[in-house]
Each structure stands twice: as C-alpha cells, then as structure tokens.
C-alpha cells in the first residue's frame, strides 16, 4: 500500500506536470529528428490543455475554447519553435525538480523531527 501523501496535493500535481513536460519533450525531439522526412506530420499536443480537461472542474468558456484551437496541431515544421519548446521543457523540469526536492527535504525533516 502506497502512502496517500504522494497521491494528493503538491506531490501529485508536480508528478503530473513532470509527466506532461516529459511527453512534450519527447514529442519535440521526435519532431526534430524527423523534420526532413518526406510526408512527416508534425506532432504538437498541448499536454497542459489535456491536464486541464481532466481536472474535476475544467476551465470553460470562449477563452478556453480559443486556447485549444490555438494549440491545434500544426502541419509545418518550425525548427526554432521545437528548439524553444525543448528549452521550455528543460526549464519547467528544473523548476519542478527544485520544488519536489524542497518538499522531500521538508518531509525528511518532519520524519526525523529535525534530527540528523
């Protein structure tokens, strides 16, 4: 049985965000590695939008629909856009890693009651 602490709150949210970042990174590297393949269709999934749609109360309204239409799959390859996407994934992953490290440090301190 796994502790519930890792399946709720910040730990769960950070895990989902890291998974989305990893999938986006994988998709961008796949696009870059196939950019000169004849007939290749660019993959462009907005994993943040997918996570928002899966929430208990997803955003609604015209603004969210417009956002989803804006991130619709693109047909043309833009190497600069894919490289920027990789850089963004790297920065997001670094920030999430720092947040999780701090949370694990706080958890470790609580378990040991501050003793080392």
PDB file of N, CA and C in Angstrom:
ATOM      1  N   UNK A   1       0.842  -1.182   0.000  1.00  0.00           N
ATOM      2  CA  UNK A   1       0.000   0.000   0.000  1.00  0.00           C
ATOM      3  C   UNK A   1       0.888   1.246   0.000  1.00  0.00           C
ATOM      4  N   UNK A   2       0.595   2.155  -0.904  1.00  0.00           N
ATOM      5  CA  UNK A   2       1.388   3.375  -1.007  1.00  0.00           C
ATOM      6  C   UNK A   2       0.796   4.461  -0.115  1.00  0.00           C
ATOM      7  N   UNK A   3       1.679   5.263   0.467  1.00  0.00           N
ATOM      8  CA  UNK A   3       1.175   6.360   1.306  1.00  0.00           C
ATOM      9  C   UNK A   3       0.359   7.357   0.489  1.00  0.00           C
ATOM     10  N   UNK A   4      -0.721   7.821   1.044  1.00  0.00           N
ATOM     11  CA  UNK A   4      -1.603   8.764   0.352  1.00  0.00           C
ATOM     12  C   UNK A   4      -0.934  10.114   0.115  1.00  0.00           C
ATOM     13  N   UNK A   5       0.105  10.414   0.856  1.00  0.00           N
ATOM     14  CA  UNK A   5       0.756  11.715   0.726  1.00  0.00           C
ATOM     15  C   UNK A   5       1.309  11.943  -0.683  1.00  0.00           C
ATOM     16  N   UNK A   6       1.675  10.861  -1.357  1.00  0.00           N
ATOM     17  CA  UNK A   6       2.250  11.004  -2.687  1.00  0.00           C
ATOM     18  C   UNK A   6       1.201  10.991  -3.796  1.00  0.00           C
ATOM     19  N   UNK A   7      -0.064  10.774  -3.454  1.00  0.00           N
ATOM     20  CA  UNK A   7      -1.122  10.706  -4.441  1.00  0.00           C
ATOM     21  C   UNK A   7      -2.116  11.854  -4.304  1.00  0.00           C
ATOM     22  N   UNK A   8      -1.714  12.902  -3.622  1.00  0.00           N
ATOM     23  CA  UNK A   8      -2.583  14.064  -3.490  1.00  0.00           C
ATOM     24  C   UNK A   8      -1.720  15.306  -3.308  1.00  0.00           C
ATOM     25  N   UNK A   9      -2.338  16.435  -3.447  1.00  0.00           N
ATOM     26  CA  UNK A   9      -1.659  17.692  -3.199  1.00  0.00           C
ATOM     27  C   UNK A   9      -0.504  17.971  -4.147  1.00  0.00           C
ATOM     28  N   UNK A  10       0.517  18.618  -3.610  1.00  0.00           N
ATOM     29  CA  UNK A  10       1.649  19.085  -4.407  1.00  0.00           C
ATOM     30  C   UNK A  10       2.418  17.946  -5.056  1.00  0.00           C
ATOM     31  N   UNK A  11       2.614  16.842  -4.345  1.00  0.00           N
ATOM     32  CA  UNK A  11       3.354  15.723  -4.925  1.00  0.00           C
ATOM     33  C   UNK A  11       2.654  15.207  -6.187  1.00  0.00           C
ATOM     34  N   UNK A  12       1.354  15.038  -6.110  1.00  0.00           N
ATOM     35  CA  UNK A  12       0.583  14.524  -7.243  1.00  0.00           C
ATOM     36  C   UNK A  12       0.593  15.518  -8.408  1.00  0.00           C
ATOM     37  N   UNK A  13       0.378  16.785  -8.105  1.00  0.00           N
ATOM     38  CA  UNK A  13       0.364  17.814  -9.140  1.00  0.00           C
ATOM     39  C   UNK A  13       1.721  17.924  -9.823  1.00  0.00           C
ATOM     40  N   UNK A  14       2.789  17.914  -9.026  1.00  0.00           N
ATOM     41  CA  UNK A  14       4.133  18.001  -9.596  1.00  0.00           C
ATOM     42  C   UNK A  14       4.434  16.783 -10.458  1.00  0.00           C
ATOM     43  N   UNK A  15       3.991  15.622 -10.023  1.00  0.00           N
ATOM     44  CA  UNK A  15       4.205  14.398 -10.814  1.00  0.00           C
ATOM     45  C   UNK A  15       3.498  14.509 -12.157  1.00  0.00           C
ATOM     46  N   UNK A  16       2.251  14.963 -12.160  1.00  0.00           N
ATOM     47  CA  UNK A  16       1.520  15.129 -13.415  1.00  0.00           C
ATOM     48  C   UNK A  16       2.199  16.162 -14.316  1.00  0.00           C
ATOM     49  N   UNK A  17       2.660  17.255 -13.722  1.00  0.00           N
ATOM     50  CA  UNK A  17       3.334  18.292 -14.506  1.00  0.00           C
ATOM     51  C   UNK A  17       4.637  17.763 -15.096  1.00  0.00           C
ATOM     52  N   UNK A  18       5.381  16.971 -14.333  1.00  0.00           N
ATOM     53  CA  UNK A  18       6.629  16.405 -14.854  1.00  0.00           C
ATOM     54  C   UNK A  18       6.346  15.412 -15.982  1.00  0.00           C
ATOM     55  N   UNK A  19       5.275  14.643 -15.860  1.00  0.00           N
ATOM     56  CA  UNK A  19       4.915  13.719 -16.928  1.00  0.00           C
ATOM     57  C   UNK A  19       4.548  14.482 -18.202  1.00  0.00           C
ATOM     58  N   UNK A  20       3.787  15.562 -18.064  1.00  0.00           N
ATOM     59  CA  UNK A  20       3.408  16.371 -19.219  1.00  0.00           C
ATOM     60  C   UNK A  20       4.643  16.997 -19.865  1.00  0.00           C
ATOM     61  N   UNK A  21       5.564  17.476 -19.036  1.00  0.00           N
ATOM     62  CA  UNK A  21       6.802  18.069 -19.552  1.00  0.00           C
ATOM     63  C   UNK A  21       7.617  17.022 -20.296  1.00  0.00           C
ATOM     64  N   UNK A  22       7.698  15.820 -19.734  1.00  0.00           N
ATOM     65  CA  UNK A  22       8.456  14.754 -20.377  1.00  0.00           C
ATOM     66  C   UNK A  22       7.833  14.378 -21.720  1.00  0.00           C
ATOM     67  N   UNK A  23       6.502  14.266 -21.775  1.00  0.00           N
ATOM     68  CA  UNK A  23       5.831  13.926 -23.029  1.00  0.00           C
ATOM     69  C   UNK A  23       6.032  15.017 -24.077  1.00  0.00           C
ATOM     70  N   UNK A  24       5.969  16.257 -23.666  1.00  0.00           N
ATOM     71  CA  UNK A  24       6.190  17.371 -24.584  1.00  0.00           C
ATOM     72  C   UNK A  24       7.627  17.357 -25.107  1.00  0.00           C
ATOM     73  N   UNK A  25       8.575  17.082 -24.227  1.00  0.00           N
ATOM     74  CA  UNK A  25       9.985  16.992 -24.626  1.00  0.00           C
ATOM     75  C   UNK A  25      10.174  15.859 -25.629  1.00  0.00           C
ATOM     76  N   UNK A  26       9.586  14.722 -25.343  1.00  0.00           N
ATOM     77  CA  UNK A  26       9.706  13.566 -26.235  1.00  0.00           C
ATOM     78  C   UNK A  26       9.103  13.865 -27.607  1.00  0.00           C
ATOM     79  N   UNK A  27       7.968  14.541 -27.619  1.00  0.00           N
ATOM     80  CA  UNK A  27       7.315  14.887 -28.873  1.00  0.00           C
ATOM     81  C   UNK A  27       8.158  15.865 -29.687  1.00  0.00           C
ATOM     82  N   UNK A  28       8.732  16.870 -29.025  1.00  0.00           N
ATOM     83  CA  UNK A  28       9.566  17.856 -29.720  1.00  0.00           C
ATOM     84  C   UNK A  28      10.819  17.206 -30.299  1.00  0.00           C
ATOM     85  N   UNK A  29      11.449  16.307 -29.540  1.00  0.00           N
ATOM     86  CA  UNK A  29      12.641  15.641 -30.069  1.00  0.00           C
ATOM     87  C   UNK A  29      12.272  14.738 -31.245  1.00  0.00           C
ATOM     88  N   UNK A  30      11.101  14.126 -31.193  1.00  0.00           N
ATOM     89  CA  UNK A  30      10.648  13.302 -32.312  1.00  0.00           C
ATOM     90  C   UNK A  30      10.431  14.163 -33.548  1.00  0.00           C
ATOM     91  N   UNK A  31       9.823  15.330 -33.372  1.00  0.00           N
ATOM     92  CA  UNK A  31       9.627  16.248 -34.493  1.00  0.00           C
ATOM     93  C   UNK A  31      10.964  16.670 -35.094  1.00  0.00           C
ATOM     94  N   UNK A  32      11.910  17.022 -34.230  1.00  0.00           N
ATOM     95  CA  UNK A  32      13.215  17.458 -34.731  1.00  0.00           C
ATOM     96  C   UNK A  32      13.964  16.343 -35.448  1.00  0.00           C
ATOM     97  N   UNK A  33      13.847  15.138 -34.937  1.00  0.00           N
ATOM     98  CA  UNK A  33      14.577  14.045 -35.572  1.00  0.00           C
ATOM     99  C   UNK A  33      13.956  13.633 -36.910  1.00  0.00           C
ATOM    100  N   UNK A  34      12.716  14.034 -37.158  1.00  0.00           N
ATOM    101  CA  UNK A  34      12.042  13.668 -38.411  1.00  0.00           C
ATOM    102  C   UNK A  34      11.714  14.868 -39.292  1.00  0.00           C
ATOM    103  N   UNK A  35      12.336  16.006 -39.026  1.00  0.00           N
ATOM    104  CA  UNK A  35      11.928  17.210 -39.747  1.00  0.00           C
ATOM    105  C   UNK A  35      12.164  17.123 -41.249  1.00  0.00           C
ATOM    106  N   UNK A  36      13.124  16.320 -41.701  1.00  0.00           N
ATOM    107  CA  UNK A  36      13.378  16.230 -43.140  1.00  0.00           C
ATOM    108  C   UNK A  36      12.832  14.938 -43.760  1.00  0.00           C
ATOM    109  N   UNK A  37      12.001  14.225 -43.026  1.00  0.00           N
ATOM    110  CA  UNK A  37      11.383  13.006 -43.536  1.00  0.00           C
ATOM    111  C   UNK A  37      10.201  13.390 -44.430  1.00  0.00           C
ATOM    112  N   UNK A  38      10.227  12.951 -45.679  1.00  0.00           N
ATOM    113  CA  UNK A  38       9.110  13.277 -46.585  1.00  0.00           C
ATOM    114  C   UNK A  38       7.782  12.742 -46.051  1.00  0.00           C
ATOM    115  N   UNK A  39       6.757  13.578 -46.065  1.00  0.00           N
ATOM    116  CA  UNK A  39       5.429  13.183 -45.630  1.00  0.00           C
ATOM    117  C   UNK A  39       5.224  13.155 -44.121  1.00  0.00           C
ATOM    118  N   UNK A  40       6.229  13.556 -43.345  1.00  0.00           N
ATOM    119  CA  UNK A  40       6.088  13.533 -41.878  1.00  0.00           C
ATOM    120  C   UNK A  40       5.123  14.604 -41.428  1.00  0.00           C
ATOM    121  N   UNK A  41       4.221  14.227 -40.546  1.00  0.00           N
ATOM    122  CA  UNK A  41       3.269  15.182 -39.958  1.00  0.00           C
ATOM    123  C   UNK A  41       3.765  15.572 -38.577  1.00  0.00           C
ATOM    124  N   UNK A  42       3.873  16.851 -38.346  1.00  0.00           N
ATOM    125  CA  UNK A  42       4.369  17.375 -37.081  1.00  0.00           C
ATOM    126  C   UNK A  42       3.421  17.000 -35.953  1.00  0.00           C
ATOM    127  N   UNK A  43       4.000  16.525 -34.853  1.00  0.00           N
ATOM    128  CA  UNK A  43       3.213  16.227 -33.649  1.00  0.00           C
ATOM    129  C   UNK A  43       3.252  17.457 -32.757  1.00  0.00           C
ATOM    130  N   UNK A  44       2.096  17.882 -32.311  1.00  0.00           N
ATOM    131  CA  UNK A  44       2.033  19.046 -31.435  1.00  0.00           C
ATOM    132  C   UNK A  44       0.831  18.919 -30.514  1.00  0.00           C
ATOM    133  N   UNK A  45       1.030  18.255 -29.405  1.00  0.00           N
ATOM    134  CA  UNK A  45      -0.028  18.083 -28.419  1.00  0.00           C
ATOM    135  C   UNK A  45       0.250  19.014 -27.252  1.00  0.00           C
ATOM    136  N   UNK A  46      -0.739  19.754 -26.835  1.00  0.00           N
ATOM    137  CA  UNK A  46      -0.576  20.600 -25.660  1.00  0.00           C
ATOM    138  C   UNK A  46      -1.010  19.789 -24.451  1.00  0.00           C
ATOM    139  N   UNK A  47      -0.022  19.235 -23.751  1.00  0.00           N
ATOM    140  CA  UNK A  47      -0.323  18.363 -22.626  1.00  0.00           C
ATOM    141  C   UNK A  47      -0.907  19.135 -21.451  1.00  0.00           C
ATOM    142  N   UNK A  48      -0.621  20.424 -21.368  1.00  0.00           N
ATOM    143  CA  UNK A  48      -1.229  21.236 -20.306  1.00  0.00           C
ATOM    144  C   UNK A  48      -2.744  21.299 -20.509  1.00  0.00           C
ATOM    145  N   UNK A  49      -3.151  21.484 -21.773  1.00  0.00           N
ATOM    146  CA  UNK A  49      -4.585  21.537 -22.069  1.00  0.00           C
ATOM    147  C   UNK A  49      -5.251  20.205 -21.741  1.00  0.00           C
ATOM    148  N   UNK A  50      -4.565  19.107 -22.037  1.00  0.00           N
ATOM    149  CA  UNK A  50      -5.117  17.794 -21.701  1.00  0.00           C
ATOM    150  C   UNK A  50      -5.284  17.633 -20.198  1.00  0.00           C
ATOM    151  N   UNK A  51      -4.293  18.090 -19.433  1.00  0.00           N
ATOM    152  CA  UNK A  51      -4.405  18.004 -17.971  1.00  0.00           C
ATOM    153  C   UNK A  51      -5.546  18.871 -17.463  1.00  0.00           C
ATOM    154  N   UNK A  52      -5.687  20.067 -18.045  1.00  0.00           N
ATOM    155  CA  UNK A  52      -6.778  20.949 -17.624  1.00  0.00           C
ATOM    156  C   UNK A  52      -8.133  20.322 -17.915  1.00  0.00           C
ATOM    157  N   UNK A  53      -8.246  19.633 -19.070  1.00  0.00           N
ATOM    158  CA  UNK A  53      -9.512  18.998 -19.412  1.00  0.00           C
ATOM    159  C   UNK A  53      -9.842  17.850 -18.460  1.00  0.00           C
ATOM    160  N   UNK A  54      -8.824  17.202 -17.888  1.00  0.00           N
ATOM    161  CA  UNK A  54      -9.037  16.065 -16.999  1.00  0.00           C
ATOM    162  C   UNK A  54      -9.343  16.484 -15.568  1.00  0.00           C
ATOM    163  N   UNK A  55      -9.148  17.749 -15.234  1.00  0.00           N
ATOM    164  CA  UNK A  55      -9.434  18.207 -13.875  1.00  0.00           C
ATOM    165  C   UNK A  55     -10.920  18.051 -13.571  1.00  0.00           C
ATOM    166  N   UNK A  56     -11.223  17.992 -12.289  1.00  0.00           N
ATOM    167  CA  UNK A  56     -12.609  17.826 -11.860  1.00  0.00           C
ATOM    168  C   UNK A  56     -13.482  18.975 -12.370  1.00  0.00           C
ATOM    169  N   UNK A  57     -12.952  20.173 -12.352  1.00  0.00           N
ATOM    170  CA  UNK A  57     -13.689  21.322 -12.862  1.00  0.00           C
ATOM    171  C   UNK A  57     -12.827  22.017 -13.918  1.00  0.00           C
ATOM    172  N   UNK A  58     -12.849  21.532 -15.160  1.00  0.00           N
ATOM    173  CA  UNK A  58     -12.009  22.127 -16.194  1.00  0.00           C
ATOM    174  C   UNK A  58     -12.469  23.539 -16.540  1.00  0.00           C
ATOM    175  N   UNK A  59     -11.543  24.355 -17.043  1.00  0.00           N
ATOM    176  CA  UNK A  59     -11.916  25.706 -17.468  1.00  0.00           C
ATOM    177  C   UNK A  59     -12.974  25.625 -18.569  1.00  0.00           C
ATOM    178  N   UNK A  60     -13.856  26.578 -18.586  1.00  0.00           N
ATOM    179  CA  UNK A  60     -14.911  26.599 -19.590  1.00  0.00           C
ATOM    180  C   UNK A  60     -14.954  27.978 -20.233  1.00  0.00           C
ATOM    181  N   UNK A  61     -15.700  28.050 -21.277  1.00  0.00           N
ATOM    182  CA  UNK A  61     -15.928  29.342 -21.893  1.00  0.00           C
ATOM    183  C   UNK A  61     -15.159  29.531 -23.190  1.00  0.00           C
ATOM    184  N   UNK A  62     -15.418  30.693 -23.788  1.00  0.00           N
ATOM    185  CA  UNK A  62     -14.839  31.001 -25.089  1.00  0.00           C
ATOM    186  C   UNK A  62     -13.318  31.111 -25.040  1.00  0.00           C
ATOM    187  N   UNK A  63     -12.783  31.637 -23.940  1.00  0.00           N
ATOM    188  CA  UNK A  63     -11.330  31.815 -23.848  1.00  0.00           C
ATOM    189  C   UNK A  63     -10.620  30.459 -23.881  1.00  0.00           C
ATOM    190  N   UNK A  64     -11.153  29.481 -23.176  1.00  0.00           N
ATOM    191  CA  UNK A  64     -10.518  28.163 -23.155  1.00  0.00           C
ATOM    192  C   UNK A  64     -10.657  27.479 -24.515  1.00  0.00           C
ATOM    193  N   UNK A  65     -11.822  27.599 -25.149  1.00  0.00           N
ATOM    194  CA  UNK A  65     -12.002  27.018 -26.486  1.00  0.00           C
ATOM    195  C   UNK A  65     -11.045  27.662 -27.484  1.00  0.00           C
ATOM    196  N   UNK A  66     -10.869  28.975 -27.390  1.00  0.00           N
ATOM    197  CA  UNK A  66      -9.934  29.675 -28.273  1.00  0.00           C
ATOM    198  C   UNK A  66      -8.505  29.192 -28.019  1.00  0.00           C
ATOM    199  N   UNK A  67      -8.169  28.959 -26.756  1.00  0.00           N
ATOM    200  CA  UNK A  67      -6.840  28.442 -26.415  1.00  0.00           C
ATOM    201  C   UNK A  67      -6.624  27.072 -27.044  1.00  0.00           C
ATOM    202  N   UNK A  68      -7.618  26.189 -26.949  1.00  0.00           N
ATOM    203  CA  UNK A  68      -7.498  24.856 -27.534  1.00  0.00           C
ATOM    204  C   UNK A  68      -7.375  24.924 -29.052  1.00  0.00           C
ATOM    205  N   UNK A  69      -8.095  25.832 -29.689  1.00  0.00           N
ATOM    206  CA  UNK A  69      -7.986  25.992 -31.142  1.00  0.00           C
ATOM    207  C   UNK A  69      -6.615  26.523 -31.526  1.00  0.00           C
ATOM    208  N   UNK A  70      -6.049  27.387 -30.693  1.00  0.00           N
ATOM    209  CA  UNK A  70      -4.734  27.962 -30.972  1.00  0.00           C
ATOM    210  C   UNK A  70      -3.634  26.906 -30.916  1.00  0.00           C
ATOM    211  N   UNK A  71      -3.805  25.886 -30.095  1.00  0.00           N
ATOM    212  CA  UNK A  71      -2.777  24.857 -29.972  1.00  0.00           C
ATOM    213  C   UNK A  71      -3.097  23.628 -30.823  1.00  0.00           C
ATOM    214  N   UNK A  72      -4.021  23.777 -31.764  1.00  0.00           N
ATOM    215  CA  UNK A  72      -4.339  22.669 -32.665  1.00  0.00           C
ATOM    216  C   UNK A  72      -3.071  22.259 -33.419  1.00  0.00           C
ATOM    217  N   UNK A  73      -2.965  20.995 -33.781  1.00  0.00           N
ATOM    218  CA  UNK A  73      -1.757  20.519 -34.462  1.00  0.00           C
ATOM    219  C   UNK A  73      -1.422  21.344 -35.692  1.00  0.00           C
ATOM    220  N   UNK A  74      -0.157  21.638 -35.835  1.00  0.00           N
ATOM    221  CA  UNK A  74       0.331  22.403 -36.975  1.00  0.00           C
ATOM    222  C   UNK A  74       0.861  21.428 -38.027  1.00  0.00           C
ATOM    223  N   UNK A  75       0.760  21.813 -39.263  1.00  0.00           N
ATOM    224  CA  UNK A  75       1.190  20.943 -40.344  1.00  0.00           C
ATOM    225  C   UNK A  75       2.650  21.177 -40.733  1.00  0.00           C
ATOM    226  N   UNK A  76       3.159  22.370 -40.502  1.00  0.00           N
ATOM    227  CA  UNK A  76       4.517  22.684 -40.946  1.00  0.00           C
ATOM    228  C   UNK A  76       5.498  22.604 -39.783  1.00  0.00           C
ATOM    229  N   UNK A  77       6.717  22.230 -40.117  1.00  0.00           N
ATOM    230  CA  UNK A  77       7.783  22.117 -39.118  1.00  0.00           C
ATOM    231  C   UNK A  77       8.462  23.469 -38.964  1.00  0.00           C
ATOM    232  N   UNK A  78       8.644  23.866 -37.731  1.00  0.00           N
ATOM    233  CA  UNK A  78       9.381  25.075 -37.422  1.00  0.00           C
ATOM    234  C   UNK A  78      10.451  24.669 -36.409  1.00  0.00           C
ATOM    235  N   UNK A  79      11.692  24.564 -36.881  1.00  0.00           N
ATOM    236  CA  UNK A  79      12.788  24.081 -36.041  1.00  0.00           C
ATOM    237  C   UNK A  79      12.991  24.991 -34.838  1.00  0.00           C
ATOM    238  N   UNK A  80      12.915  26.297 -35.043  1.00  0.00           N
ATOM    239  CA  UNK A  80      13.100  27.233 -33.926  1.00  0.00           C
ATOM    240  C   UNK A  80      12.033  27.032 -32.851  1.00  0.00           C
ATOM    241  N   UNK A  81      10.792  26.802 -33.280  1.00  0.00           N
ATOM    242  CA  UNK A  81       9.704  26.575 -32.324  1.00  0.00           C
ATOM    243  C   UNK A  81       9.957  25.300 -31.511  1.00  0.00           C
ATOM    244  N   UNK A  82      10.417  24.244 -32.182  1.00  0.00           N
ATOM    245  CA  UNK A  82      10.690  22.985 -31.488  1.00  0.00           C
ATOM    246  C   UNK A  82      11.870  23.121 -30.526  1.00  0.00           C
ATOM    247  N   UNK A  83      12.905  23.867 -30.933  1.00  0.00           N
ATOM    248  CA  UNK A  83      14.046  24.093 -30.038  1.00  0.00           C
ATOM    249  C   UNK A  83      13.637  24.924 -28.824  1.00  0.00           C
ATOM    250  N   UNK A  84      12.768  25.907 -29.060  1.00  0.00           N
ATOM    251  CA  UNK A  84      12.264  26.714 -27.941  1.00  0.00           C
ATOM    252  C   UNK A  84      11.425  25.843 -27.009  1.00  0.00           C
ATOM    253  N   UNK A  85      10.676  24.928 -27.592  1.00  0.00           N
ATOM    254  CA  UNK A  85       9.867  24.005 -26.790  1.00  0.00           C
ATOM    255  C   UNK A  85      10.755  23.109 -25.921  1.00  0.00           C
ATOM    256  N   UNK A  86      11.868  22.640 -26.463  1.00  0.00           N
ATOM    257  CA  UNK A  86      12.807  21.841 -25.678  1.00  0.00           C
ATOM    258  C   UNK A  86      13.390  22.642 -24.522  1.00  0.00           C
ATOM    259  N   UNK A  87      13.741  23.901 -24.800  1.00  0.00           N
ATOM    260  CA  UNK A  87      14.293  24.759 -23.744  1.00  0.00           C
ATOM    261  C   UNK A  87      13.250  25.003 -22.654  1.00  0.00           C
ATOM    262  N   UNK A  88      12.011  25.227 -23.056  1.00  0.00           N
ATOM    263  CA  UNK A  88      10.935  25.439 -22.085  1.00  0.00           C
ATOM    264  C   UNK A  88      10.732  24.188 -21.225  1.00  0.00           C
ATOM    265  N   UNK A  89      10.753  23.019 -21.851  1.00  0.00           N
ATOM    266  CA  UNK A  89      10.602  21.763 -21.105  1.00  0.00           C
ATOM    267  C   UNK A  89      11.722  21.609 -20.087  1.00  0.00           C
ATOM    268  N   UNK A  90      12.929  21.949 -20.499  1.00  0.00           N
ATOM    269  CA  UNK A  90      14.078  21.836 -19.603  1.00  0.00           C
ATOM    270  C   UNK A  90      13.932  22.753 -18.390  1.00  0.00           C
ATOM    271  N   UNK A  91      13.500  23.987 -18.632  1.00  0.00           N
ATOM    272  CA  UNK A  91      13.321  24.937 -17.527  1.00  0.00           C
ATOM    273  C   UNK A  91      12.191  24.502 -16.596  1.00  0.00           C
ATOM    274  N   UNK A  92      11.096  24.015 -17.176  1.00  0.00           N
ATOM    275  CA  UNK A  92       9.977  23.545 -16.356  1.00  0.00           C
ATOM    276  C   UNK A  92      10.395  22.350 -15.506  1.00  0.00           C
ATOM    277  N   UNK A  93      11.128  21.424 -16.114  1.00  0.00           N
ATOM    278  CA  UNK A  93      11.581  20.250 -15.382  1.00  0.00           C
ATOM    279  C   UNK A  93      12.520  20.640 -14.247  1.00  0.00           C
ATOM    280  N   UNK A  94      13.396  21.596 -14.502  1.00  0.00           N
ATOM    281  CA  UNK A  94      14.306  22.065 -13.460  1.00  0.00           C
ATOM    282  C   UNK A  94      13.533  22.691 -12.302  1.00  0.00           C
ATOM    283  N   UNK A  95      12.544  23.521 -12.621  1.00  0.00           N
ATOM    284  CA  UNK A  95      11.746  24.162 -11.568  1.00  0.00           C
ATOM    285  C   UNK A  95      10.957  23.123 -10.769  1.00  0.00           C
ATOM    286  N   UNK A  96      10.356  22.164 -11.454  1.00  0.00           N
ATOM    287  CA  UNK A  96       9.592  21.128 -10.756  1.00  0.00           C
ATOM    288  C   UNK A  96      10.498  20.256  -9.890  1.00  0.00           C
ATOM    289  N   UNK A  97      11.699  19.979 -10.372  1.00  0.00           N
ATOM    290  CA  UNK A  97      12.653  19.193  -9.589  1.00  0.00           C
ATOM    291  C   UNK A  97      13.031  19.933  -8.316  1.00  0.00           C
ATOM    292  N   UNK A  98      13.241  21.227  -8.417  1.00  0.00           N
ATOM    293  CA  UNK A  98      13.573  22.029  -7.232  1.00  0.00           C
ATOM    294  C   UNK A  98      12.415  22.038  -6.228  1.00  0.00           C
ATOM    295  N   UNK A  99      11.208  22.165  -6.741  1.00  0.00           N
ATOM    296  CA  UNK A  99      10.038  22.162  -5.860  1.00  0.00           C
ATOM    297  C   UNK A  99       9.917  20.823  -5.143  1.00  0.00           C
ATOM    298  N   UNK A 100      10.049  19.739  -5.883  1.00  0.00           N
ATOM    299  CA  UNK A 100       9.942  18.412  -5.270  1.00  0.00           C
ATOM    300  C   UNK A 100      11.079  18.148  -4.290  1.00  0.00           C
ATOM    301  N   UNK A 101      12.285  18.573  -4.621  1.00  0.00           N
ATOM    302  CA  UNK A 101      13.411  18.398  -3.695  1.00  0.00           C
ATOM    303  C   UNK A 101      13.143  19.116  -2.377  1.00  0.00           C
ATOM    304  N   UNK A 102      12.575  20.314  -2.457  1.00  0.00           N
ATOM    305  CA  UNK A 102      12.242  21.060  -1.246  1.00  0.00           C
ATOM    306  C   UNK A 102      11.165  20.334  -0.441  1.00  0.00           C
ATOM    307  N   UNK A 103      10.162  19.802  -1.124  1.00  0.00           N
ATOM    308  CA  UNK A 103       9.093  19.074  -0.433  1.00  0.00           C
ATOM    309  C   UNK A 103       9.625  17.798   0.225  1.00  0.00           C
ATOM    310  N   UNK A 104      10.488  17.081  -0.484  1.00  0.00           N
ATOM    311  CA  UNK A 104      11.084  15.875   0.102  1.00  0.00           C
ATOM    312  C   UNK A 104      11.974  16.236   1.293  1.00  0.00           C
ATOM    313  N   UNK A 105      12.670  17.359   1.197  1.00  0.00           N
ATOM    314  CA  UNK A 105      13.504  17.813   2.314  1.00  0.00           C
ATOM    315  C   UNK A 105      12.635  18.131   3.532  1.00  0.00           C
ATOM    316  N   UNK A 106      11.516  18.820   3.283  1.00  0.00           N
ATOM    317  CA  UNK A 106      10.593  19.131   4.377  1.00  0.00           C
ATOM    318  C   UNK A 106      10.009  17.856   4.984  1.00  0.00           C
ATOM    319  N   UNK A 107       9.681  16.900   4.140  1.00  0.00           N
ATOM    320  CA  UNK A 107       9.143  15.626   4.613  1.00  0.00           C
ATOM    321  C   UNK A 107      10.191  14.869   5.428  1.00  0.00           C
ATOM    322  N   UNK A 108      11.413  14.859   4.948  1.00  0.00           N
ATOM    323  CA  UNK A 108      12.502  14.195   5.679  1.00  0.00           C
ATOM    324  C   UNK A 108      12.712  14.844   7.037  1.00  0.00           C
ATOM    325  N   UNK A 109      12.646  16.167   7.071  1.00  0.00           N
ATOM    326  CA  UNK A 109      12.827  16.878   8.349  1.00  0.00           C
ATOM    327  C   UNK A 109      11.683  16.560   9.310  1.00  0.00           C
ATOM    328  N   UNK A 110      10.461  16.477   8.787  1.00  0.00           N
ATOM    329  CA  UNK A 110       9.323  16.146   9.646  1.00  0.00           C
ATOM    330  C   UNK A 110       9.422  14.742  10.195  1.00  0.00           C
ATOM    331  N   UNK A 111       9.907  13.815   9.382  1.00  0.00           N
ATOM    332  CA  UNK A 111      10.027  12.430   9.817  1.00  0.00           C
ATOM    333  C   UNK A 111      11.094  12.296  10.906  1.00  0.00           C
ATOM    334  N   UNK A 112      12.196  12.984  10.713  1.00  0.00           N
ATOM    335  CA  UNK A 112      13.290  12.878  11.684  1.00  0.00           C
ATOM    336  C   UNK A 112      13.153  13.900  12.802  1.00  0.00           C
ATOM    337  N   UNK A 113      12.104  14.690  12.749  1.00  0.00           N
ATOM    338  CA  UNK A 113      11.858  15.746  13.744  1.00  0.00           C
ATOM    339  C   UNK A 113      13.039  16.691  13.874  1.00  0.00           C
ATOM    340  N   UNK A 114      13.664  16.970  12.743  1.00  0.00           N
ATOM    341  CA  UNK A 114      14.773  17.926  12.730  1.00  0.00           C
ATOM    342  C   UNK A 114      16.110  17.341  13.110  1.00  0.00           C
ATOM    343  N   UNK A 115      16.157  16.090  13.568  1.00  0.00           N
ATOM    344  CA  UNK A 115      17.429  15.467  13.935  1.00  0.00           C
ATOM    345  C   UNK A 115      18.149  14.984  12.700  1.00  0.00           C
ATOM    346  N   UNK A 116      19.423  14.944  12.775  1.00  0.00           N
ATOM    347  CA  UNK A 116      20.244  14.408  11.672  1.00  0.00           C
ATOM    348  C   UNK A 116      21.049  13.277  12.154  1.00  0.00           C
TER     349      UNK A 116
END
